Amino acid sequence: MIKIVNLSKTYPNGITALKNINLEVKKGEILGIIGKSGAGKTTLLRILRGVEPFDSGKVKIDDVEVSHDSNVHERTKLKRITAIHLQRTFGLWSETAIENVIRKLYAAKFGDETTVNMDEVYDEFKDEALELLDAVGLKHKAEHFAPVLSGGEKQRLIIARQLAKKPKVLLLDEPATMACPKTKQEVLDAIKRVNEKLGITVVLVSHLPEVHYYLADRVVWLENGKIKDEGDPETIIKKFMQGMEPAIHITPKIGKKIIEVKDIKKRYFLVRGGLTLQMKDINLDIKKGEIVSIIGPSGAGKTVLLRIIGGLEFPDSGHVKFRLNDEWVDMHKLGIKRMGIRRKMGFMHQEFALIHHATIRDQIAARLGVKGEHVVAEAKERAEKLGISDKVLDMIYQLTDMPEDEAKYLLEKIGLSPDILEKLFPKFPYKEVLKYAKPVFKALKLSLDILDMKSYELSGGQQVRAALALVLASKPDVVILDEPFGDLDPITLRSVSNSLKRINKKFNTTILMVSHHMDFVKELSTRAIMMEDGRIVMDDDPEVVCDELIKRSHAKYLEKVKALEV
């Protein structure tokens, strides 16, 4: 079905992604590909898809053969017989599930899904669409409105849309890696059903061993662009995991209460979807030095709770208070005192991004300009000269903890240019960055050499730890992490876990985190909280809470991992 011969690829910046790859995949096989960040996994998938040129060798899928000197038109033939599903893709029409699939079936026949007149084509494609929804386990949701489906249902609907193209090969890049155990199980079962019912060959890239154990017939291990080994999942994954550093063990120094969450209520509505989230009776205390993880199914309210705690969203009722010296400050009352709390807090979002062409030193200088020791008093002076009140200044300062796109949107909404941030919070003196970076880099096991490297020159693992270094450079008392490590392989994730433990030990940093990685939560946390339907339903030892979530999620894909650990 698939034959790859002497395939090599080097990018214009000199980075060699693939070196002399030779590989065959049988019809109907599920081939797993594993490897650390930067190993070449996604590049190989893109070449099979026909969207990435290569330097030497050839690729043959079914009766389509493409060589390194083939033109774009010839490579496009690969696109006609393959379909790809990317981890973070959620492009769906604001229609029912069946209408989403019908649009794709129409496009496969006529070339453009944007011109569909649903009244005219519904009956023609209805039965075929229902068959595809059945293949991914969504037939019972055919008439449900797509935007209000759960995360797992959306991902399965996307797979159904890809199948509408009648591909010979389904390419999957980290399917459901960022999802909760329940969602992940739904998506993995959909992939298995598609393979068994339709006989479609699957090439699956994932850094999660449990995904390969559950799905793959065979696993290929990529390292530095080469095939290091291949064979049955258990053998290859065992070898791959031998490169993992041992977990370090610390005993956090737990102090007095520093965060109080009291009687929080918050409701969200969609015009067509009705009530989508109702948070109610959220009560929670966090003590100095704790490492607390919030877990639960998708849509439970975990990220919303983090944003409310961080003051990025306001509750309908209730309060969040932080201890600042000996005074309790309400995170939802604008003013200079709240700025004082935010200065001592770091927030790392799921969609964090480094500035592509900026050096790490420059980005840390900008971060310290926002979070430096005297920044609040200095910004207040500048704001007074510009005629900006304390409340507006606090609103602007809040944007520095938000994702870049969200911050720009809110600035535009209040009629201000992004330049206002530079005026109020100029960059930290460039020459003093090293003094702040050195202890954090040491704890993160990052070389100081990367300070003068640009973001795109770093590996995936280095980028995550560099982004973490930006958050930690100002030595915040509290760090809030909203699943920023979901894309990491287990070897890099262990390194990050150890780094966070060292940070906690050295600086007594309180860490509040959302994660779907159960092993990571168990290994890192001092305490775990489970949320369901906007409520806290468990607050206990991480091992106990994680095992309960796995049980409630019916996560069969984790059973093989547990069996191998025994």
Protein backbone atom coordinates (compact mmCIF):
# COMPACT_ATOMS: atom_id res chain seq x y z
CA MET A 1 0.00 0.00 0.00
CA ILE A 2 2.75 2.47 0.99
CA LYS A 3 6.39 2.22 -0.05
CA ILE A 4 9.03 4.80 0.85
CA VAL A 5 12.49 4.49 -0.70
CA ASN A 6 15.64 6.45 0.28
CA LEU A 7 13.60 9.49 1.39
CA SER A 8 15.55 12.54 2.62
CA LYS A 9 14.50 16.09 3.44
CA THR A 10 16.53 19.14 4.56
CA TYR A 11 14.86 22.49 5.21
CA PRO A 12 16.24 25.79 3.80
CA ASN A 13 17.58 26.75 7.25
CA GLY A 14 19.89 23.71 7.10
CA ILE A 15 17.92 21.50 9.51
CA THR A 16 17.79 17.92 8.23
CA ALA A 17 14.38 16.49 9.00
CA LEU A 18 14.65 13.04 7.35
CA LYS A 19 17.66 10.95 6.34
CA ASN A 20 17.39 8.00 3.98
CA ILE A 21 14.01 6.65 5.16
CA ASN A 22 13.01 3.23 3.83
CA LEU A 23 9.63 1.95 4.93
CA GLU A 24 6.67 -0.17 3.79
CA VAL A 25 3.12 -0.21 5.15
CA LYS A 26 0.66 -2.99 4.33
CA LYS A 27 -2.93 -2.38 3.24
CA GLY A 28 -5.21 -2.15 6.27
CA GLU A 29 -2.30 -1.83 8.71
CA ILE A 30 -2.18 0.72 11.51
CA LEU A 31 1.42 1.95 11.62
CA GLY A 32 2.45 3.96 14.65
CA ILE A 33 5.32 6.48 14.53
CA ILE A 34 6.95 7.57 17.78
CA GLY A 35 9.86 9.85 18.56
CA LYS A 36 10.87 12.96 20.48
CA SER A 37 10.08 16.51 19.31
CA GLY A 38 12.01 17.33 16.15
CA ALA A 39 12.51 13.68 15.15
CA GLY A 40 10.85 14.22 11.74
CA LYS A 41 7.45 12.63 12.42
CA THR A 42 5.24 15.44 11.14
CA THR A 43 7.52 16.09 8.14
CA LEU A 44 7.11 12.45 7.08
CA LEU A 45 3.33 12.75 7.40
CA ARG A 46 3.29 15.95 5.31
CA ILE A 47 5.33 14.26 2.58
CA LEU A 48 2.89 11.33 2.49
CA ARG A 49 0.08 13.87 2.26
CA GLY A 50 1.71 15.49 -0.79
CA VAL A 51 2.10 18.97 0.71
CA GLU A 52 5.85 18.84 1.44
CA PRO A 53 8.57 18.53 -1.24
CA PHE A 54 11.63 16.40 -0.47
CA ASP A 55 15.26 16.24 -1.65
CA SER A 56 15.77 12.63 -2.67
CA GLY A 57 14.00 9.29 -2.87
CA LYS A 58 10.43 8.40 -3.78
CA VAL A 59 7.03 7.72 -2.22
CA LYS A 60 4.43 5.33 -3.57
CA ILE A 61 0.89 5.04 -2.20
CA ASP A 62 -1.33 2.54 -3.97
CA ASP A 63 -0.73 3.31 -7.68
CA VAL A 64 0.50 6.90 -7.19
CA GLU A 65 4.27 7.35 -7.22
CA VAL A 66 6.04 10.65 -6.49
CA SER A 67 9.78 11.32 -6.74
CA HIS A 68 11.90 14.10 -5.27
CA ASP A 69 11.80 15.93 -8.62
CA SER A 70 8.03 15.64 -9.09
CA ASN A 71 6.17 18.92 -9.53
CA VAL A 72 3.34 20.26 -7.39
CA HIS A 73 0.71 18.85 -9.76
CA GLU A 74 2.11 15.32 -9.40
CA ARG A 75 2.35 15.62 -5.61
CA THR A 76 -1.28 16.75 -5.55
CA LYS A 77 -2.27 13.23 -6.62
CA LEU A 78 -1.25 12.08 -3.13
CA LYS A 79 -3.76 14.52 -1.64
CA ARG A 80 -6.56 12.81 -3.56
CA ILE A 81 -5.92 9.40 -1.99
CA THR A 82 -4.98 10.51 1.53
CA ALA A 83 -6.76 12.38 4.30
CA ILE A 84 -5.13 14.00 7.31
CA HIS A 85 -6.37 14.88 10.77
CA LEU A 86 -4.31 17.36 12.77
CA GLN A 87 -4.45 17.51 16.56
CA ARG A 88 -5.59 21.14 16.88
CA THR A 89 -7.96 21.25 13.90
CA PHE A 90 -11.57 22.09 14.77
CA GLY A 91 -12.85 23.63 11.52
CA LEU A 92 -16.57 22.79 11.44
CA TRP A 93 -19.62 24.45 9.95
CA SER A 94 -22.26 25.91 12.30
CA GLU A 95 -24.71 23.23 11.19
CA THR A 96 -25.74 19.76 12.30
CA ALA A 97 -23.27 16.89 12.28
CA ILE A 98 -24.88 15.26 9.24
CA GLU A 99 -24.87 18.54 7.31
CA ASN A 100 -21.14 18.92 8.00
CA VAL A 101 -20.51 15.50 6.45
CA ILE A 102 -22.86 16.16 3.52
CA ARG A 103 -20.88 19.29 2.67
CA LYS A 104 -17.69 17.23 2.48
CA LEU A 105 -19.36 14.53 0.37
CA TYR A 106 -20.60 17.22 -2.02
CA ALA A 107 -17.10 18.72 -2.20
CA ALA A 108 -15.58 15.31 -2.97
CA LYS A 109 -17.90 15.08 -5.97
CA PHE A 110 -18.11 18.70 -7.14
CA GLY A 111 -15.04 20.37 -5.59
CA ASP A 112 -16.43 23.13 -3.32
CA GLU A 113 -18.29 22.70 -0.05
CA THR A 114 -19.00 26.43 0.35
CA THR A 115 -21.57 26.45 -2.48
CA VAL A 116 -23.83 23.72 -1.06
CA ASN A 117 -27.59 24.29 -1.14
CA MET A 118 -28.51 21.90 1.68
CA ASP A 119 -32.19 21.68 0.67
CA GLU A 120 -31.19 20.43 -2.78
CA VAL A 121 -28.49 17.89 -1.84
CA TYR A 122 -29.59 16.59 1.59
CA ASP A 123 -31.55 13.58 0.34
CA GLU A 124 -28.87 12.65 -2.22
CA PHE A 125 -26.08 12.35 0.34
CA LYS A 126 -28.02 11.56 3.55
CA ASP A 127 -27.56 7.77 3.59
CA GLU A 128 -23.85 7.93 2.80
CA ALA A 129 -23.33 10.59 5.46
CA LEU A 130 -25.11 8.43 8.05
CA GLU A 131 -22.82 5.49 7.17
CA LEU A 132 -19.75 7.66 7.82
CA LEU A 133 -21.17 8.97 11.09
CA ASP A 134 -21.88 5.38 12.11
CA ALA A 135 -18.26 4.45 11.30
CA VAL A 136 -17.02 7.01 13.86
CA GLY A 137 -19.77 6.25 16.40
CA LEU A 138 -21.77 9.45 15.85
CA LYS A 139 -24.89 8.26 14.03
CA HIS A 140 -27.01 9.02 17.11
CA LYS A 141 -25.76 12.62 17.03
CA ALA A 142 -26.52 13.18 13.33
CA GLU A 143 -29.02 16.01 13.96
CA HIS A 144 -27.03 17.66 16.77
CA PHE A 145 -25.58 21.14 16.25
CA ALA A 146 -21.84 20.71 15.61
CA PRO A 147 -20.47 23.67 17.65
CA VAL A 148 -21.99 22.33 20.88
CA LEU A 149 -20.73 18.77 20.51
CA SER A 150 -18.13 17.67 23.06
CA GLY A 151 -14.44 17.85 22.17
CA GLY A 152 -14.27 14.14 21.41
CA GLU A 153 -17.43 14.29 19.29
CA LYS A 154 -16.03 17.21 17.30
CA GLN A 155 -12.82 15.30 16.60
CA ARG A 156 -14.80 12.25 15.48
CA LEU A 157 -16.94 14.45 13.23
CA ILE A 158 -13.77 15.84 11.65
CA ILE A 159 -12.60 12.28 10.96
CA ALA A 160 -15.99 11.49 9.36
CA ARG A 161 -15.57 14.55 7.13
CA GLN A 162 -12.12 13.34 6.10
CA LEU A 163 -13.55 9.90 5.27
CA ALA A 164 -16.04 11.56 2.93
CA LYS A 165 -13.15 11.97 0.50
CA LYS A 166 -12.87 8.15 0.35
CA PRO A 167 -9.13 8.14 1.08
CA LYS A 168 -6.93 5.07 0.73
CA VAL A 169 -4.80 6.22 3.68
CA LEU A 170 -5.74 8.16 6.82
CA LEU A 171 -2.86 10.21 8.27
CA LEU A 172 -3.18 11.17 11.93
CA ASP A 173 -0.92 13.69 13.65
CA GLU A 174 -1.23 13.44 17.44
CA PRO A 175 -4.95 12.55 17.53
CA ALA A 176 -6.59 13.60 20.80
CA THR A 177 -3.27 14.20 22.58
CA MET A 178 -4.67 17.33 24.24
CA ALA A 179 -7.93 15.62 25.23
CA CYS A 180 -9.19 14.22 28.52
CA PRO A 181 -9.19 10.39 28.96
CA LYS A 182 -12.89 10.09 28.00
CA THR A 183 -12.48 12.13 24.83
CA LYS A 184 -9.29 10.32 23.93
CA GLN A 185 -10.99 6.94 24.30
CA GLU A 186 -13.82 8.07 22.00
CA VAL A 187 -11.41 9.25 19.30
CA LEU A 188 -9.18 6.15 19.51
CA ASP A 189 -12.24 3.87 19.25
CA ALA A 190 -13.39 5.84 16.19
CA ILE A 191 -10.00 5.29 14.53
CA LYS A 192 -10.16 1.59 15.33
CA ARG A 193 -13.70 1.31 13.91
CA VAL A 194 -12.71 3.14 10.72
CA ASN A 195 -9.77 0.80 10.21
CA GLU A 196 -11.83 -2.34 10.87
CA LYS A 197 -15.08 -1.37 9.09
CA LEU A 198 -13.67 0.42 6.06
CA GLY A 199 -10.27 -1.27 5.81
CA ILE A 200 -8.47 2.07 5.59
CA THR A 201 -4.71 2.05 6.12
CA VAL A 202 -3.71 4.33 9.01
CA VAL A 203 -0.40 6.07 9.66
CA LEU A 204 -0.49 7.41 13.20
CA VAL A 205 1.99 9.88 14.72
CA SER A 206 1.81 10.04 18.51
CA HIS A 207 4.27 10.50 21.33
CA LEU A 208 1.92 8.74 23.77
CA PRO A 209 2.90 5.08 24.36
CA GLU A 210 -0.65 4.20 25.43
CA VAL A 211 -2.05 5.30 22.05
CA HIS A 212 0.32 2.96 20.19
CA TYR A 213 -0.38 0.10 22.60
CA TYR A 214 -4.10 0.49 21.93
CA LEU A 215 -4.08 1.05 18.17
CA ALA A 216 -0.86 0.20 16.37
CA ASP A 217 -0.03 -3.12 14.68
CA ARG A 218 3.58 -1.98 14.35
CA VAL A 219 5.62 0.99 15.59
CA VAL A 220 8.47 2.87 13.89
CA TRP A 221 10.83 4.85 16.12
CA LEU A 222 12.21 8.03 14.50
CA GLU A 223 15.23 9.78 15.97
CA ASN A 224 17.09 12.70 14.38
CA GLY A 225 15.37 12.03 11.07
CA LYS A 226 16.34 8.36 10.90
CA ILE A 227 14.51 5.12 11.60
CA LYS A 228 16.19 3.97 14.78
CA ASP A 229 14.10 0.81 15.16
CA GLU A 230 10.76 -0.77 14.26
CA GLY A 231 8.71 -3.69 15.50
CA ASP A 232 5.83 -4.57 17.81
CA PRO A 233 4.60 -1.70 20.02
CA GLU A 234 5.68 -3.21 23.34
CA THR A 235 9.28 -3.84 22.27
CA ILE A 236 9.83 -0.50 20.53
CA ILE A 237 8.19 1.63 23.21
CA LYS A 238 10.18 -0.08 25.95
CA LYS A 239 13.40 0.81 24.11
CA PHE A 240 12.20 4.37 23.43
CA MET A 241 11.37 5.00 27.10
CA GLN A 242 14.84 3.93 28.24
CA GLY A 243 16.01 7.44 27.33
CA MET A 244 13.88 8.96 30.07
CA GLU A 245 15.66 10.61 33.00
CA PRO A 246 14.69 9.29 36.45
CA ALA A 247 12.02 11.20 38.35
CA ILE A 248 13.37 13.38 41.14
CA HIS A 249 11.53 13.41 44.46
CA ILE A 250 10.94 16.49 46.58
CA THR A 251 8.95 17.32 49.68
CA PRO A 252 7.37 20.73 49.07
CA LYS A 253 7.42 23.19 51.95
CA ILE A 254 3.70 23.84 52.48
CA GLY A 255 2.89 27.15 54.16
CA LYS A 256 -0.20 29.17 55.02
CA LYS A 257 -3.18 29.80 52.76
CA ILE A 258 -2.45 32.29 49.97
CA ILE A 259 -5.47 31.86 47.63
CA GLU A 260 -9.13 31.72 48.65
CA VAL A 261 -11.84 30.77 46.12
CA LYS A 262 -15.27 31.28 47.64
CA ASP A 263 -18.76 30.49 46.32
CA ILE A 264 -17.87 31.01 42.64
CA LYS A 265 -20.72 30.86 40.13
CA LYS A 266 -20.42 31.33 36.37
CA ARG A 267 -22.77 30.50 33.49
CA TYR A 268 -22.10 30.40 29.74
CA PHE A 269 -24.71 30.34 26.96
CA LEU A 270 -24.61 29.86 23.19
CA VAL A 271 -27.43 31.32 21.09
CA ARG A 272 -28.30 27.96 19.49
CA GLY A 273 -26.73 25.72 22.06
CA GLY A 274 -28.32 27.03 25.22
CA LEU A 275 -26.54 26.60 28.55
CA THR A 276 -23.08 25.12 27.88
CA LEU A 277 -21.46 25.50 31.31
CA GLN A 278 -22.80 26.22 34.75
CA MET A 279 -20.17 26.58 37.46
CA LYS A 280 -21.69 26.56 40.90
CA ASP A 281 -20.53 26.47 44.52
CA ILE A 282 -16.78 26.41 43.74
CA ASN A 283 -14.89 26.64 47.02
CA LEU A 284 -11.15 26.11 47.16
CA ASP A 285 -8.11 27.11 49.21
CA ILE A 286 -4.50 26.96 47.96
CA LYS A 287 -1.54 27.03 50.35
CA LYS A 288 1.94 28.42 49.75
CA GLY A 289 4.23 25.85 48.09
CA GLU A 290 1.47 23.46 46.99
CA ILE A 291 1.47 21.87 43.52
CA VAL A 292 -2.23 21.47 42.73
CA SER A 293 -3.60 19.89 39.54
CA ILE A 294 -7.16 20.30 38.28
CA ILE A 295 -8.37 17.39 36.16
CA GLY A 296 -11.66 16.27 34.67
CA PRO A 297 -13.50 15.70 31.38
CA SER A 298 -13.50 18.23 28.55
CA GLY A 299 -15.98 21.03 29.18
CA ALA A 300 -15.96 20.56 32.96
CA GLY A 301 -14.87 24.18 33.54
CA LYS A 302 -11.19 23.65 34.37
CA THR A 303 -9.77 26.42 32.16
CA VAL A 304 -12.58 28.80 33.13
CA LEU A 305 -11.75 28.24 36.80
CA LEU A 306 -8.05 28.95 36.18
CA ARG A 307 -8.90 32.16 34.34
CA ILE A 308 -11.24 33.25 37.15
CA ILE A 309 -8.54 32.53 39.74
CA GLY A 310 -6.04 34.47 37.62
CA GLY A 311 -8.44 37.41 37.33
CA LEU A 312 -8.72 37.06 33.54
CA GLU A 313 -12.45 36.38 33.77
CA PHE A 314 -15.00 37.62 36.29
CA PRO A 315 -17.49 35.29 38.02
CA ASP A 316 -21.23 35.97 38.17
CA SER A 317 -20.92 35.83 41.95
CA GLY A 318 -18.42 34.81 44.62
CA HIS A 319 -14.81 35.96 44.95
CA VAL A 320 -11.17 35.01 44.55
CA LYS A 321 -8.71 36.57 46.99
CA PHE A 322 -4.90 36.46 47.06
CA ARG A 323 -2.77 37.18 50.08
CA LEU A 324 -0.44 40.13 49.43
CA ASN A 325 1.85 40.44 52.46
CA ASP A 326 -0.75 40.43 55.26
CA GLU A 327 -3.66 41.79 53.21
CA TRP A 328 -6.24 39.86 51.18
CA VAL A 329 -6.79 41.33 47.70
CA ASP A 330 -9.91 40.63 45.62
CA MET A 331 -8.85 39.56 42.10
CA HIS A 332 -12.07 40.95 40.62
CA LYS A 333 -11.83 44.51 41.95
CA LEU A 334 -9.78 46.63 39.56
CA GLY A 335 -6.98 48.73 41.02
CA ILE A 336 -3.32 49.03 41.98
CA LYS A 337 -3.51 46.33 44.66
CA ARG A 338 -4.64 43.75 42.10
CA MET A 339 -1.67 44.77 39.94
CA GLY A 340 0.55 43.93 42.89
CA ILE A 341 -0.86 40.40 42.92
CA ARG A 342 -0.55 40.01 39.16
CA ARG A 343 3.10 41.11 39.24
CA LYS A 344 3.84 38.13 41.49
CA MET A 345 1.85 35.70 39.32
CA GLY A 346 2.83 33.89 36.12
CA PHE A 347 0.26 32.48 33.67
CA MET A 348 1.17 30.04 30.88
CA HIS A 349 -1.64 29.22 28.46
CA GLN A 350 -2.32 26.12 26.40
CA GLU A 351 -1.75 28.15 23.23
CA PHE A 352 1.47 29.84 24.43
CA ALA A 353 3.77 31.07 21.69
CA LEU A 354 7.30 32.44 21.58
CA ILE A 355 8.06 35.32 19.20
CA HIS A 356 9.45 33.50 16.18
CA HIS A 357 12.33 35.82 15.18
CA ALA A 358 13.15 37.33 18.61
CA THR A 359 15.97 36.10 20.83
CA ILE A 360 15.12 34.51 24.16
CA ARG A 361 17.10 37.27 25.91
CA ASP A 362 14.93 39.93 24.24
CA GLN A 363 11.74 38.13 25.21
CA ILE A 364 12.85 37.79 28.84
CA ALA A 365 13.70 41.51 28.87
CA ALA A 366 10.16 42.26 27.72
CA ARG A 367 8.72 39.91 30.33
CA LEU A 368 10.74 41.48 33.15
CA GLY A 369 9.53 44.87 31.95
CA VAL A 370 6.02 43.67 32.75
CA LYS A 371 6.77 41.71 35.93
CA GLY A 372 9.81 43.52 37.40
CA GLU A 373 10.04 44.48 41.06
CA HIS A 374 9.16 48.19 40.66
CA VAL A 375 6.93 47.90 37.61
CA VAL A 376 3.63 48.76 39.31
CA ALA A 377 4.81 52.06 40.83
CA GLU A 378 6.65 53.07 37.65
CA ALA A 379 3.67 52.21 35.41
CA LYS A 380 1.37 54.24 37.69
CA GLU A 381 3.58 57.31 37.22
CA ARG A 382 3.59 56.90 33.44
CA ALA A 383 -0.19 56.31 33.42
CA GLU A 384 -0.85 59.53 35.36
CA LYS A 385 1.13 61.52 32.75
CA LEU A 386 -0.97 59.89 30.00
CA GLY A 387 -4.22 60.56 31.84
CA ILE A 388 -4.91 56.86 32.47
CA SER A 389 -6.77 56.00 35.68
CA ASP A 390 -5.70 53.24 38.09
CA LYS A 391 -8.61 51.02 37.01
CA VAL A 392 -7.83 51.36 33.30
CA LEU A 393 -4.12 50.79 34.03
CA ASP A 394 -5.05 47.56 35.84
CA MET A 395 -7.21 46.49 32.89
CA ILE A 396 -4.28 47.07 30.54
CA TYR A 397 -1.88 45.24 32.88
CA GLN A 398 -4.25 42.27 32.95
CA LEU A 399 -3.70 41.87 29.18
CA THR A 400 -0.05 40.99 29.76
CA ASP A 401 -1.17 37.65 31.22
CA MET A 402 -3.48 36.83 28.30
CA PRO A 403 -2.72 35.04 25.03
CA GLU A 404 -1.39 37.55 22.48
CA ASP A 405 -4.39 37.41 20.10
CA GLU A 406 -6.88 37.85 22.94
CA ALA A 407 -4.90 40.80 24.34
CA LYS A 408 -4.77 42.55 20.94
CA TYR A 409 -8.51 42.06 20.44
CA LEU A 410 -9.34 43.56 23.86
CA LEU A 411 -7.00 46.52 23.30
CA GLU A 412 -8.74 47.28 20.01
CA LYS A 413 -12.11 46.93 21.75
CA ILE A 414 -11.22 49.70 24.23
CA GLY A 415 -9.68 51.83 21.46
CA LEU A 416 -6.00 51.50 22.37
CA SER A 417 -2.97 50.58 20.27
CA PRO A 418 -0.66 47.71 21.32
CA ASP A 419 2.04 50.42 21.61
CA ILE A 420 0.49 51.45 24.94
CA LEU A 421 2.00 48.35 26.56
CA GLU A 422 5.52 49.42 25.58
CA LYS A 423 4.87 52.96 26.83
CA LEU A 424 3.61 51.79 30.22
CA PHE A 425 5.90 48.76 30.60
CA PRO A 426 9.21 49.35 28.76
CA LYS A 427 11.64 46.47 28.42
CA PHE A 428 13.95 45.59 31.29
CA PRO A 429 17.61 46.67 30.87
CA TYR A 430 19.08 44.19 28.40
CA LYS A 431 22.38 43.77 30.23
CA GLU A 432 20.67 42.72 33.49
CA VAL A 433 18.64 39.87 31.99
CA LEU A 434 21.35 37.29 32.75
CA LYS A 435 21.10 37.95 36.50
CA TYR A 436 17.42 36.99 36.48
CA ALA A 437 17.70 34.20 33.94
CA LYS A 438 20.62 32.31 35.46
CA PRO A 439 18.91 30.63 38.47
CA VAL A 440 15.78 29.81 36.44
CA PHE A 441 17.79 28.35 33.55
CA LYS A 442 19.74 26.24 36.02
CA ALA A 443 16.55 24.87 37.57
CA LEU A 444 15.11 24.16 34.11
CA LYS A 445 18.37 22.57 32.93
CA LEU A 446 18.58 25.03 30.04
CA SER A 447 21.91 26.19 28.67
CA LEU A 448 22.49 29.95 28.91
CA ASP A 449 23.68 29.73 25.30
CA ILE A 450 20.07 29.78 24.12
CA LEU A 451 19.60 33.33 25.49
CA ASP A 452 20.99 34.68 22.23
CA MET A 453 19.23 32.15 20.02
CA LYS A 454 15.97 32.92 18.24
CA SER A 455 12.85 30.90 19.02
CA TYR A 456 12.80 29.05 15.70
CA GLU A 457 16.34 27.77 16.35
CA LEU A 458 15.21 25.81 19.43
CA SER A 459 13.90 22.24 19.54
CA GLY A 460 10.31 21.62 20.62
CA GLY A 461 11.38 20.68 24.14
CA GLN A 462 13.66 23.72 24.42
CA GLN A 463 10.84 26.00 23.26
CA VAL A 464 8.50 24.74 25.99
CA ARG A 465 11.14 25.19 28.71
CA ALA A 466 12.15 28.60 27.29
CA ALA A 467 8.49 29.69 27.43
CA LEU A 468 8.38 28.44 31.01
CA ALA A 469 11.56 30.41 31.72
CA LEU A 470 9.81 33.60 30.52
CA VAL A 471 7.04 32.98 33.05
CA LEU A 472 9.49 32.16 35.85
CA ALA A 473 12.20 34.79 35.24
CA SER A 474 10.51 37.31 37.55
CA LYS A 475 10.35 34.64 40.29
CA PRO A 476 6.54 34.69 40.69
CA ASP A 477 5.00 33.44 43.92
CA VAL A 478 2.23 31.65 41.99
CA VAL A 479 2.47 29.98 38.58
CA ILE A 480 -0.73 29.00 36.73
CA LEU A 481 -0.32 26.46 33.91
CA ASP A 482 -3.23 25.70 31.58
CA GLU A 483 -2.18 22.45 29.85
CA PRO A 484 0.84 23.98 28.05
CA PHE A 485 2.69 20.65 27.90
CA GLY A 486 0.13 18.53 26.05
CA ASP A 487 2.23 18.28 22.88
CA LEU A 488 5.35 16.92 24.61
CA ASP A 489 6.74 13.42 24.29
CA PRO A 490 7.03 11.49 27.60
CA ILE A 491 10.82 11.90 27.77
CA THR A 492 10.61 15.70 27.49
CA LEU A 493 7.57 15.75 29.80
CA ARG A 494 9.59 13.97 32.52
CA SER A 495 12.29 16.63 32.11
CA VAL A 496 9.67 19.38 32.51
CA SER A 497 8.19 17.63 35.55
CA ASN A 498 11.62 17.47 37.19
CA SER A 499 12.24 21.12 36.28
CA LEU A 500 9.00 22.23 37.96
CA LYS A 501 9.93 20.27 41.07
CA ARG A 502 13.31 22.03 41.18
CA ILE A 503 11.58 25.41 40.77
CA ASN A 504 9.18 24.57 43.60
CA LYS A 505 12.04 23.47 45.85
CA LYS A 506 14.34 26.42 45.11
CA PHE A 507 11.80 29.26 45.14
CA ASN A 508 8.91 27.69 47.12
CA THR A 509 6.71 28.50 44.12
CA THR A 510 3.03 27.62 44.33
CA ILE A 511 1.90 25.84 41.15
CA LEU A 512 -1.71 25.52 39.97
CA MET A 513 -2.13 23.44 36.83
CA VAL A 514 -4.65 21.88 34.45
CA SER A 515 -3.48 18.72 32.69
CA HIS A 516 -4.90 15.65 30.94
CA HIS A 517 -1.69 13.66 31.42
CA MET A 518 -2.55 11.40 34.35
CA ASP A 519 1.00 10.11 34.88
CA PHE A 520 2.31 13.69 34.85
CA VAL A 521 -0.30 14.78 37.40
CA LYS A 522 0.47 11.83 39.69
CA GLU A 523 4.20 12.42 39.46
CA LEU A 524 4.23 16.18 39.98
CA SER A 525 1.28 17.14 42.17
CA THR A 526 0.89 17.30 45.92
CA ARG A 527 -2.89 17.38 45.49
CA ALA A 528 -5.45 16.85 42.71
CA ILE A 529 -8.93 18.28 42.21
CA MET A 530 -11.51 16.71 39.88
CA MET A 531 -14.20 18.81 38.20
CA GLU A 532 -17.35 17.59 36.48
CA ASP A 533 -20.11 19.76 34.98
CA GLY A 534 -18.77 22.93 36.57
CA ARG A 535 -18.42 21.49 40.07
CA ILE A 536 -15.58 20.17 42.22
CA VAL A 537 -16.38 16.51 42.90
CA MET A 538 -13.07 15.32 44.42
CA ASP A 539 -10.12 16.91 46.20
CA ASP A 540 -7.59 14.34 47.40
CA ASP A 541 -4.29 12.58 46.83
CA PRO A 542 -3.32 12.72 43.10
CA GLU A 543 -3.10 8.93 42.79
CA VAL A 544 -6.63 8.48 44.15
CA VAL A 545 -8.21 11.28 42.09
CA CYS A 546 -6.49 10.33 38.81
CA ASP A 547 -7.47 6.67 39.15
CA GLU A 548 -11.07 7.68 39.79
CA LEU A 549 -11.12 9.86 36.67
CA ILE A 550 -9.70 7.00 34.59
CA LYS A 551 -12.40 4.70 36.00
CA ARG A 552 -15.20 7.18 35.27
CA SER A 553 -13.84 7.78 31.76
CA HIS A 554 -13.85 4.06 30.89
CA ALA A 555 -10.36 4.66 29.47
CA LYS A 556 -9.57 1.20 28.10
CA TYR A 557 -6.52 2.53 26.27
CA LEU A 558 -4.77 2.93 29.63
CA GLU A 559 -5.35 -0.69 30.68
CA LYS A 560 -2.45 -2.04 28.57
CA VAL A 561 -0.07 0.46 30.15
CA LYS A 562 -1.16 -0.56 33.65
CA ALA A 563 -0.81 -4.24 32.79
CA LEU A 564 2.75 -3.70 31.57
CA GLU A 565 3.65 -1.75 34.72
CA VAL A 566 2.55 -4.61 37.02
